[in-house]
Protein backbone atom coordinates (compact mmCIF):
# COMPACT_ATOMS: atom_id res chain seq x y z
CA MET A 1 89.54 88.19 69.68
CA LEU A 2 86.44 86.25 69.34
CA THR A 3 87.57 85.34 66.06
CA GLU A 4 90.87 85.59 66.62
CA CYS A 5 90.35 83.29 69.19
CA ASP A 6 88.19 81.04 66.76
CA ALA A 7 91.05 80.78 63.66
CA ALA A 8 93.09 79.57 66.78
CA ALA A 9 91.74 76.85 67.55
CA GLU A 10 90.66 75.37 63.37
CA ASN A 11 94.55 76.04 62.96
CA GLY A 12 95.82 74.41 65.86
CA GLU A 13 97.55 76.76 68.07
CA THR A 14 96.14 77.31 71.89
CA ILE A 15 93.97 79.54 72.78
CA GLY A 16 95.63 79.44 76.35
CA ALA A 17 98.72 81.61 74.46
CA ILE A 18 96.55 84.31 73.13
CA LEU A 19 94.89 84.42 75.98
CA ARG A 20 97.43 84.72 77.87
CA ARG A 21 99.77 87.69 75.33
CA GLU A 22 95.98 90.00 75.71
CA GLY A 23 96.06 89.17 79.47
CA LEU A 24 92.79 87.77 79.27
CA TYR A 25 90.31 85.04 80.57
CA SER A 26 88.32 82.23 79.49
CA SER A 27 85.73 83.35 81.74
CA HIS A 28 86.09 86.31 79.04
CA LEU A 29 85.49 84.63 76.01
CA HIS A 30 82.46 82.75 77.47
CA ASP A 31 80.87 85.43 78.19
CA TRP A 32 81.72 87.05 75.23
CA ARG A 33 80.28 84.27 72.77
CA ARG A 34 77.16 84.25 75.52
CA ALA A 35 76.63 87.41 74.00
CA ARG A 36 77.53 87.55 70.57
CA ALA A 37 74.64 84.13 70.72
CA GLU A 38 72.40 86.59 71.94
CA GLY A 39 72.51 89.51 70.88
CA GLY A 40 75.27 89.73 67.70
CA GLU A 41 78.08 90.81 66.76
CA ALA A 42 76.71 94.47 68.18
CA SER A 43 76.31 92.86 71.43
CA LEU A 44 79.90 93.00 71.44
CA SER A 45 80.68 96.98 70.47
CA ARG A 46 78.11 98.65 72.68
CA LYS A 47 80.75 100.68 75.65
CA ARG A 48 80.39 99.41 78.45
CA GLY A 49 82.43 100.66 82.23
CA ARG A 50 82.11 103.88 83.86
CA PRO A 51 81.54 106.81 81.69
CA PRO A 52 84.39 108.95 81.54
CA LEU A 53 83.96 111.88 84.44
CA ASP A 54 82.59 115.20 83.85
CA PRO A 55 86.23 117.45 83.93
CA THR A 56 85.17 119.74 86.79
CA VAL A 57 83.77 116.34 88.87
CA LYS A 58 87.57 115.61 87.98
CA ALA A 59 88.77 119.16 88.98
CA GLN A 60 87.43 118.48 92.28
CA ARG A 61 88.33 115.43 93.38
CA LYS A 62 91.76 116.54 92.22
CA GLU A 63 90.60 119.28 94.98
CA ILE A 64 89.65 116.98 96.95
CA ASP A 65 92.68 114.38 96.98
CA ARG A 66 95.32 117.71 97.53
CA LEU A 67 93.02 119.42 100.61
CA GLN A 68 92.71 116.25 102.47
CA ARG A 69 96.79 115.24 102.31
CA GLU A 70 97.32 118.46 103.38
CA ASN A 71 94.83 117.98 106.48
CA ALA A 72 96.94 115.04 106.85
CA ALA A 73 100.20 117.20 106.65
CA LEU A 74 98.94 119.56 109.26
CA LYS A 75 96.95 116.96 111.78
CA GLU A 76 100.49 115.62 111.49
CA LYS A 77 102.26 119.34 112.53
CA LEU A 78 99.69 119.63 115.33
CA ARG A 79 100.57 116.85 116.47
CA ARG A 80 104.09 117.18 116.95
CA SER A 81 103.66 120.87 118.17
CA GLU A 82 101.33 119.23 121.33
CA ILE A 83 104.61 116.75 122.36
CA ILE A 84 106.58 119.79 122.40
CA GLN A 85 103.78 121.57 124.10
CA ASP A 86 103.77 118.95 126.66
CA ALA A 87 107.01 118.40 126.92
CA GLN A 88 108.09 121.87 128.02
CA LYS A 89 105.82 122.15 130.41
CA LYS A 90 107.38 119.01 132.41
CA LEU A 91 110.15 121.22 131.91
CA ALA A 92 109.50 124.18 133.36
CA GLU A 93 107.29 121.59 136.58
CA LEU A 94 111.12 120.30 137.08
CA LEU A 95 112.93 123.56 136.78
CA ALA A 96 110.56 125.60 139.00
CA PRO A 97 111.64 123.63 142.95
CA LEU A 98 115.20 124.28 141.65
CA GLY A 99 114.68 128.00 141.60
CA MET A 100 115.52 128.96 137.68
CA PRO A 101 113.42 130.69 135.74
CA THR A 102 111.52 129.57 132.92
CA SER A 103 110.04 131.35 129.75
CA GLY A 104 107.44 133.67 129.87
CA THR A 105 107.94 134.32 133.66
CA ASP A 106 108.67 137.98 134.87
CA ALA A 107 112.30 137.23 137.33
């Protein structure tokens, strides 16, 4: 990228067009030029960023994500069941004075 931008400046092209095309910012060029000046081309070729994940760690994260989704679904199911149970209790309380039999009692 630095070579292309340096050549563009000499040929009268705009560096801004190149940066937009590549989705970069001028600060990237500034940082790369500084690194090149301090350590030469070798400093630009070193790998940056996170190292790739170990396959076992990746599998564990995938399993954790699956379990978290399952846990959230079960919590929602439990919440709904508790709402239904509360509604059934209230209905039984309302029907008791009327002498209507409710399920689970001997009539």
